N, C-alpha and C. Protein backbone atom coordinates (compact mmCIF):
# COMPACT_ATOMS: atom_id res chain seq x y z
N MET A 1 -6.52 55.97 -40.48
CA MET A 1 -6.19 57.28 -39.99
C MET A 1 -5.59 58.12 -41.10
N THR A 2 -5.80 59.38 -41.00
CA THR A 2 -5.23 60.26 -42.01
C THR A 2 -3.75 60.50 -41.69
N ARG A 3 -3.03 60.95 -42.68
CA ARG A 3 -1.60 61.16 -42.49
C ARG A 3 -1.36 62.36 -41.57
N HIS A 4 -2.08 63.44 -41.81
CA HIS A 4 -1.93 64.65 -40.99
C HIS A 4 -3.23 64.88 -40.24
N GLU A 5 -3.19 64.66 -38.94
CA GLU A 5 -4.39 64.84 -38.14
C GLU A 5 -4.36 66.20 -37.47
N SER A 6 -5.53 66.79 -37.38
CA SER A 6 -5.63 68.07 -36.69
C SER A 6 -5.48 67.85 -35.19
N LYS A 7 -5.24 68.93 -34.48
CA LYS A 7 -5.08 68.84 -33.03
C LYS A 7 -6.38 68.35 -32.38
N ALA A 8 -7.51 68.80 -32.90
CA ALA A 8 -8.81 68.40 -32.35
C ALA A 8 -9.00 66.89 -32.48
N ARG A 9 -8.62 66.33 -33.64
CA ARG A 9 -8.75 64.89 -33.84
C ARG A 9 -7.85 64.12 -32.89
N LYS A 10 -6.61 64.57 -32.76
CA LYS A 10 -5.67 63.90 -31.87
C LYS A 10 -6.18 63.90 -30.44
N ASN A 11 -6.68 65.04 -30.01
CA ASN A 11 -7.17 65.15 -28.63
C ASN A 11 -8.37 64.24 -28.40
N THR A 12 -9.24 64.14 -29.39
CA THR A 12 -10.42 63.29 -29.26
C THR A 12 -10.02 61.82 -29.18
N ILE A 13 -9.10 61.41 -30.05
CA ILE A 13 -8.63 60.02 -30.02
C ILE A 13 -7.97 59.73 -28.67
N GLU A 14 -7.18 60.68 -28.20
CA GLU A 14 -6.51 60.53 -26.91
C GLU A 14 -7.53 60.36 -25.78
N ARG A 15 -8.57 61.19 -25.78
CA ARG A 15 -9.59 61.14 -24.74
C ARG A 15 -10.33 59.80 -24.75
N VAL A 16 -10.72 59.35 -25.94
CA VAL A 16 -11.47 58.09 -26.05
C VAL A 16 -10.62 56.92 -25.59
N MET A 17 -9.36 56.88 -25.98
CA MET A 17 -8.50 55.77 -25.58
C MET A 17 -8.22 55.83 -24.07
N HIS A 18 -8.13 57.02 -23.53
CA HIS A 18 -7.95 57.18 -22.09
C HIS A 18 -9.17 56.61 -21.35
N GLU A 19 -10.36 56.93 -21.86
CA GLU A 19 -11.59 56.40 -21.26
C GLU A 19 -11.59 54.87 -21.33
N TYR A 20 -11.16 54.32 -22.46
CA TYR A 20 -11.11 52.87 -22.63
C TYR A 20 -10.15 52.25 -21.61
N LYS A 21 -8.95 52.82 -21.49
CA LYS A 21 -7.94 52.27 -20.59
C LYS A 21 -8.40 52.27 -19.13
N HIS A 22 -9.21 53.25 -18.79
CA HIS A 22 -9.70 53.35 -17.41
C HIS A 22 -11.07 52.70 -17.23
N GLY A 23 -11.55 52.02 -18.27
CA GLY A 23 -12.81 51.29 -18.17
C GLY A 23 -14.03 52.20 -18.13
N GLU A 24 -13.95 53.36 -18.77
CA GLU A 24 -15.05 54.33 -18.73
C GLU A 24 -15.74 54.51 -20.07
N LEU A 25 -15.24 53.88 -21.12
CA LEU A 25 -15.81 54.09 -22.45
C LEU A 25 -17.11 53.32 -22.57
N PRO A 26 -18.25 54.04 -22.69
CA PRO A 26 -19.54 53.35 -22.72
C PRO A 26 -19.84 52.72 -24.08
N ARG A 27 -20.58 51.61 -24.03
CA ARG A 27 -21.07 50.98 -25.25
C ARG A 27 -22.43 51.55 -25.56
N GLY A 28 -22.90 51.31 -26.76
CA GLY A 28 -24.20 51.81 -27.15
C GLY A 28 -25.34 51.18 -26.38
N ARG A 29 -25.22 49.91 -26.02
CA ARG A 29 -26.30 49.20 -25.33
C ARG A 29 -26.11 49.17 -23.83
N GLY A 30 -25.25 49.99 -23.30
CA GLY A 30 -24.98 49.96 -21.87
C GLY A 30 -23.74 49.13 -21.59
N GLY A 31 -23.17 49.31 -20.44
CA GLY A 31 -21.94 48.60 -20.11
C GLY A 31 -20.74 49.34 -20.68
N LYS A 32 -19.58 48.72 -20.58
CA LYS A 32 -18.34 49.35 -21.03
C LYS A 32 -17.71 48.55 -22.15
N VAL A 33 -16.93 49.24 -22.97
CA VAL A 33 -16.22 48.60 -24.08
C VAL A 33 -15.07 47.77 -23.50
N LYS A 34 -14.97 46.52 -23.93
CA LYS A 34 -13.91 45.62 -23.44
C LYS A 34 -12.83 45.41 -24.50
N SER A 35 -13.21 45.51 -25.77
CA SER A 35 -12.29 45.22 -26.86
C SER A 35 -11.48 46.45 -27.26
N ARG A 36 -10.15 46.25 -27.37
CA ARG A 36 -9.28 47.35 -27.77
C ARG A 36 -9.57 47.79 -29.20
N LYS A 37 -9.86 46.82 -30.07
CA LYS A 37 -10.16 47.15 -31.46
C LYS A 37 -11.43 47.98 -31.57
N GLN A 38 -12.42 47.64 -30.76
CA GLN A 38 -13.66 48.41 -30.78
C GLN A 38 -13.41 49.83 -30.27
N ALA A 39 -12.56 49.96 -29.26
CA ALA A 39 -12.23 51.28 -28.72
C ALA A 39 -11.55 52.13 -29.79
N ILE A 40 -10.66 51.53 -30.56
CA ILE A 40 -9.98 52.26 -31.63
C ILE A 40 -10.99 52.69 -32.69
N ALA A 41 -11.91 51.80 -33.03
CA ALA A 41 -12.94 52.13 -34.02
C ALA A 41 -13.80 53.30 -33.54
N ILE A 42 -14.16 53.29 -32.26
CA ILE A 42 -14.96 54.38 -31.70
C ILE A 42 -14.16 55.68 -31.73
N ALA A 43 -12.87 55.60 -31.37
CA ALA A 43 -12.02 56.79 -31.36
C ALA A 43 -11.93 57.41 -32.75
N LEU A 44 -11.71 56.57 -33.76
CA LEU A 44 -11.59 57.09 -35.12
C LEU A 44 -12.92 57.67 -35.60
N ARG A 45 -14.00 57.04 -35.24
CA ARG A 45 -15.32 57.52 -35.66
C ARG A 45 -15.64 58.86 -35.01
N GLU A 46 -15.42 58.94 -33.69
CA GLU A 46 -15.72 60.19 -32.98
C GLU A 46 -14.83 61.33 -33.43
N SER A 47 -13.58 61.01 -33.79
CA SER A 47 -12.65 62.07 -34.18
C SER A 47 -12.80 62.46 -35.64
N GLY A 48 -13.63 61.73 -36.37
CA GLY A 48 -13.82 62.06 -37.78
C GLY A 48 -12.66 61.61 -38.65
N ALA A 49 -11.99 60.54 -38.25
CA ALA A 49 -10.85 60.03 -39.01
C ALA A 49 -11.12 58.64 -39.56
N SER A 50 -12.39 58.26 -39.65
CA SER A 50 -12.73 56.91 -40.12
C SER A 50 -12.60 56.82 -41.63
N LYS A 51 -12.01 55.71 -42.10
CA LYS A 51 -11.90 55.53 -43.55
C LYS A 51 -13.19 54.96 -44.13
N TYR A 52 -14.13 54.61 -43.26
CA TYR A 52 -15.39 54.03 -43.73
C TYR A 52 -16.50 55.07 -43.86
N GLU A 53 -16.20 56.31 -43.54
CA GLU A 53 -17.19 57.39 -43.64
C GLU A 53 -16.76 58.36 -44.73
N SER A 54 -17.73 59.08 -45.26
CA SER A 54 -17.43 60.11 -46.25
C SER A 54 -16.79 61.30 -45.54
N PRO A 55 -16.05 62.14 -46.26
CA PRO A 55 -15.45 63.32 -45.63
C PRO A 55 -16.50 64.22 -44.95
N LYS A 56 -17.66 64.32 -45.58
CA LYS A 56 -18.72 65.15 -45.00
C LYS A 56 -19.20 64.57 -43.67
N LYS A 57 -19.38 63.26 -43.63
CA LYS A 57 -19.83 62.59 -42.40
C LYS A 57 -18.75 62.67 -41.33
N ASN A 58 -17.48 62.54 -41.73
CA ASN A 58 -16.38 62.66 -40.77
C ASN A 58 -16.36 64.03 -40.12
N ARG A 59 -16.55 65.07 -40.93
CA ARG A 59 -16.59 66.43 -40.37
C ARG A 59 -17.75 66.58 -39.39
N ALA A 60 -18.90 66.02 -39.76
CA ALA A 60 -20.07 66.10 -38.89
C ALA A 60 -19.82 65.34 -37.58
N ASN A 61 -19.17 64.19 -37.66
CA ASN A 61 -18.87 63.41 -36.45
C ASN A 61 -17.95 64.18 -35.51
N LEU A 62 -16.93 64.83 -36.07
CA LEU A 62 -16.00 65.60 -35.24
C LEU A 62 -16.73 66.77 -34.59
N ARG A 63 -17.58 67.44 -35.37
CA ARG A 63 -18.34 68.58 -34.84
C ARG A 63 -19.24 68.14 -33.68
N LYS A 64 -19.90 67.02 -33.87
CA LYS A 64 -20.81 66.48 -32.85
C LYS A 64 -20.03 66.11 -31.58
N THR A 65 -18.88 65.48 -31.74
CA THR A 65 -18.06 65.07 -30.61
C THR A 65 -17.56 66.29 -29.84
N LYS A 66 -17.09 67.30 -30.55
CA LYS A 66 -16.58 68.50 -29.89
C LYS A 66 -17.70 69.20 -29.12
N SER A 67 -18.90 69.16 -29.66
CA SER A 67 -20.05 69.74 -28.97
C SER A 67 -20.31 68.99 -27.67
N LYS A 68 -20.26 67.66 -27.74
CA LYS A 68 -20.46 66.85 -26.53
C LYS A 68 -19.37 67.13 -25.50
N GLU A 69 -18.14 67.28 -25.97
CA GLU A 69 -17.03 67.56 -25.04
C GLU A 69 -17.24 68.90 -24.35
N ARG A 70 -17.71 69.88 -25.11
CA ARG A 70 -17.95 71.21 -24.52
C ARG A 70 -19.06 71.17 -23.48
N HIS A 71 -20.08 70.34 -23.72
CA HIS A 71 -21.21 70.26 -22.80
C HIS A 71 -21.01 69.23 -21.70
N GLY A 72 -19.84 68.58 -21.66
CA GLY A 72 -19.55 67.62 -20.60
C GLY A 72 -20.33 66.34 -20.70
N GLU A 73 -20.52 65.83 -21.90
CA GLU A 73 -21.29 64.60 -22.09
C GLU A 73 -20.40 63.42 -22.48
N THR A 74 -19.16 63.42 -22.00
CA THR A 74 -18.26 62.30 -22.29
C THR A 74 -18.22 61.38 -21.07
N GLY A 75 -17.69 60.18 -21.25
CA GLY A 75 -17.59 59.24 -20.15
C GLY A 75 -16.75 59.78 -19.01
N LEU A 76 -15.66 60.46 -19.34
CA LEU A 76 -14.78 61.03 -18.33
C LEU A 76 -15.51 62.10 -17.52
N ALA A 77 -16.26 62.95 -18.20
CA ALA A 77 -17.00 64.00 -17.51
C ALA A 77 -18.08 63.42 -16.61
N ARG A 78 -18.75 62.37 -17.09
CA ARG A 78 -19.78 61.73 -16.27
C ARG A 78 -19.18 61.15 -15.00
N ARG A 79 -18.02 60.52 -15.14
CA ARG A 79 -17.38 59.89 -13.98
C ARG A 79 -16.96 60.95 -12.96
N GLU A 80 -16.49 62.09 -13.46
CA GLU A 80 -16.03 63.14 -12.55
C GLU A 80 -17.17 64.01 -12.04
N GLY A 81 -18.37 63.74 -12.50
CA GLY A 81 -19.52 64.49 -12.00
C GLY A 81 -19.72 65.84 -12.66
N ARG A 82 -19.06 66.06 -13.77
CA ARG A 82 -19.21 67.36 -14.45
C ARG A 82 -20.41 67.38 -15.37
N ALA A 83 -20.91 66.22 -15.76
CA ALA A 83 -21.98 66.16 -16.74
C ALA A 83 -23.29 66.70 -16.19
N SER A 84 -23.56 66.45 -14.92
CA SER A 84 -24.85 66.86 -14.37
C SER A 84 -25.00 68.37 -14.38
N SER A 85 -23.92 69.11 -14.08
CA SER A 85 -24.03 70.56 -14.07
C SER A 85 -24.18 71.11 -15.48
N ALA A 86 -23.59 70.43 -16.45
CA ALA A 86 -23.70 70.90 -17.84
C ALA A 86 -25.11 70.70 -18.37
N ARG A 87 -25.80 69.65 -17.89
CA ARG A 87 -27.13 69.35 -18.41
C ARG A 87 -28.22 70.22 -17.78
N LYS A 88 -27.95 70.80 -16.61
CA LYS A 88 -28.99 71.56 -15.93
C LYS A 88 -29.50 72.71 -16.79
N GLY A 89 -28.60 73.43 -17.43
CA GLY A 89 -29.02 74.56 -18.27
C GLY A 89 -29.86 74.11 -19.45
N THR A 90 -29.49 73.00 -20.06
CA THR A 90 -30.25 72.54 -21.21
C THR A 90 -31.60 72.00 -20.80
N ALA A 91 -31.68 71.42 -19.60
CA ALA A 91 -32.98 70.92 -19.13
C ALA A 91 -33.94 72.08 -18.93
N ARG A 92 -33.44 73.17 -18.40
CA ARG A 92 -34.30 74.34 -18.20
C ARG A 92 -34.77 74.89 -19.53
N LYS A 93 -33.87 74.94 -20.48
CA LYS A 93 -34.23 75.47 -21.79
C LYS A 93 -35.31 74.62 -22.44
N SER A 94 -35.15 73.30 -22.35
CA SER A 94 -36.12 72.44 -23.01
C SER A 94 -37.48 72.52 -22.31
N ALA A 95 -37.49 72.68 -20.98
CA ALA A 95 -38.76 72.81 -20.26
C ALA A 95 -39.44 74.12 -20.66
N ALA A 96 -38.65 75.18 -20.78
CA ALA A 96 -39.21 76.46 -21.19
C ALA A 96 -39.74 76.38 -22.61
N LYS A 97 -39.02 75.66 -23.45
CA LYS A 97 -39.44 75.51 -24.84
C LYS A 97 -40.75 74.72 -24.91
N ARG A 98 -40.86 73.67 -24.08
CA ARG A 98 -42.09 72.88 -24.07
C ARG A 98 -43.27 73.75 -23.65
N THR A 99 -43.09 74.58 -22.63
CA THR A 99 -44.17 75.46 -22.17
C THR A 99 -44.56 76.41 -23.28
N SER A 100 -43.57 76.96 -23.95
CA SER A 100 -43.84 77.89 -25.05
C SER A 100 -44.62 77.19 -26.16
N ASN A 101 -44.21 75.97 -26.50
CA ASN A 101 -44.90 75.23 -27.56
C ASN A 101 -46.34 74.92 -27.16
N ARG A 102 -46.56 74.58 -25.89
CA ARG A 102 -47.90 74.29 -25.42
C ARG A 102 -48.80 75.52 -25.52
N LYS A 103 -48.27 76.68 -25.13
CA LYS A 103 -49.04 77.92 -25.20
C LYS A 103 -49.38 78.27 -26.65
N THR A 104 -48.40 78.09 -27.54
CA THR A 104 -48.62 78.38 -28.96
C THR A 104 -49.70 77.49 -29.53
N ALA A 105 -49.66 76.21 -29.20
CA ALA A 105 -50.66 75.26 -29.70
C ALA A 105 -52.06 75.64 -29.20
N ALA A 106 -52.16 76.02 -27.94
CA ALA A 106 -53.46 76.40 -27.38
C ALA A 106 -53.98 77.66 -28.06
N ARG A 107 -53.10 78.60 -28.32
CA ARG A 107 -53.50 79.84 -29.00
C ARG A 107 -54.02 79.54 -30.40
N LYS A 108 -53.35 78.64 -31.10
CA LYS A 108 -53.78 78.28 -32.45
C LYS A 108 -55.14 77.61 -32.43
N ARG A 109 -55.37 76.73 -31.45
CA ARG A 109 -56.67 76.06 -31.34
C ARG A 109 -57.79 77.07 -31.09
N ARG A 110 -57.54 78.02 -30.19
CA ARG A 110 -58.56 79.04 -29.91
C ARG A 110 -58.85 79.88 -31.14
N SER A 111 -57.80 80.25 -31.85
CA SER A 111 -57.97 81.06 -33.05
C SER A 111 -58.77 80.31 -34.11
N LYS A 112 -58.45 79.05 -34.27
CA LYS A 112 -59.15 78.22 -35.27
C LYS A 112 -60.62 78.06 -34.90
N ALA A 113 -60.88 77.88 -33.62
CA ALA A 113 -62.27 77.72 -33.17
C ALA A 113 -63.06 79.00 -33.43
N ARG A 114 -62.44 80.15 -33.23
CA ARG A 114 -63.12 81.42 -33.48
C ARG A 114 -63.44 81.60 -34.96
N LYS A 115 -62.49 81.22 -35.80
CA LYS A 115 -62.67 81.40 -37.25
C LYS A 115 -63.78 80.52 -37.80
N THR A 116 -63.82 79.27 -37.34
CA THR A 116 -64.82 78.33 -37.88
C THR A 116 -66.19 78.51 -37.21
N GLY A 117 -66.20 79.18 -36.08
CA GLY A 117 -67.47 79.38 -35.40
C GLY A 117 -67.85 78.19 -34.54
N SER A 118 -67.05 77.17 -34.57
CA SER A 118 -67.35 76.02 -33.73
C SER A 118 -66.66 76.24 -32.39
N GLY A 119 -67.20 75.71 -31.44
CA GLY A 119 -66.65 75.85 -30.10
C GLY A 119 -67.71 75.42 -29.13
N ARG A 120 -67.41 75.55 -27.89
CA ARG A 120 -68.38 75.13 -26.89
C ARG A 120 -69.31 76.29 -26.59
N ARG A 121 -70.54 76.14 -26.97
CA ARG A 121 -71.53 77.17 -26.68
C ARG A 121 -72.65 76.56 -25.85
N THR A 122 -73.05 77.28 -24.86
CA THR A 122 -74.13 76.74 -24.01
C THR A 122 -75.33 77.61 -24.07
């Protein structure tokens, strides 16, 4: 841990350890974290205070964690049922994006077929 931790780091470590104490901290392969040492390692990694990561990677980890916290993708939010409402907006966006990508691809295919002169002619 660093000597002077920012408020964001402290809050993240607090949240992760709270999840661990209440049996809500998820493991990567499913299930819950049982080991206190592993919970501490996860807390330090998520908060960007790990001594095993570069400063750049630590900043990226904290940024990623804060984004997840804002979108309600933490174990605590999932348990309280807040995660589902946060994901609804992103699901709509991704579906709209997929439709847009499909239309763009079809337009490109039609354009290419016109340029080359190949296409279905009867």
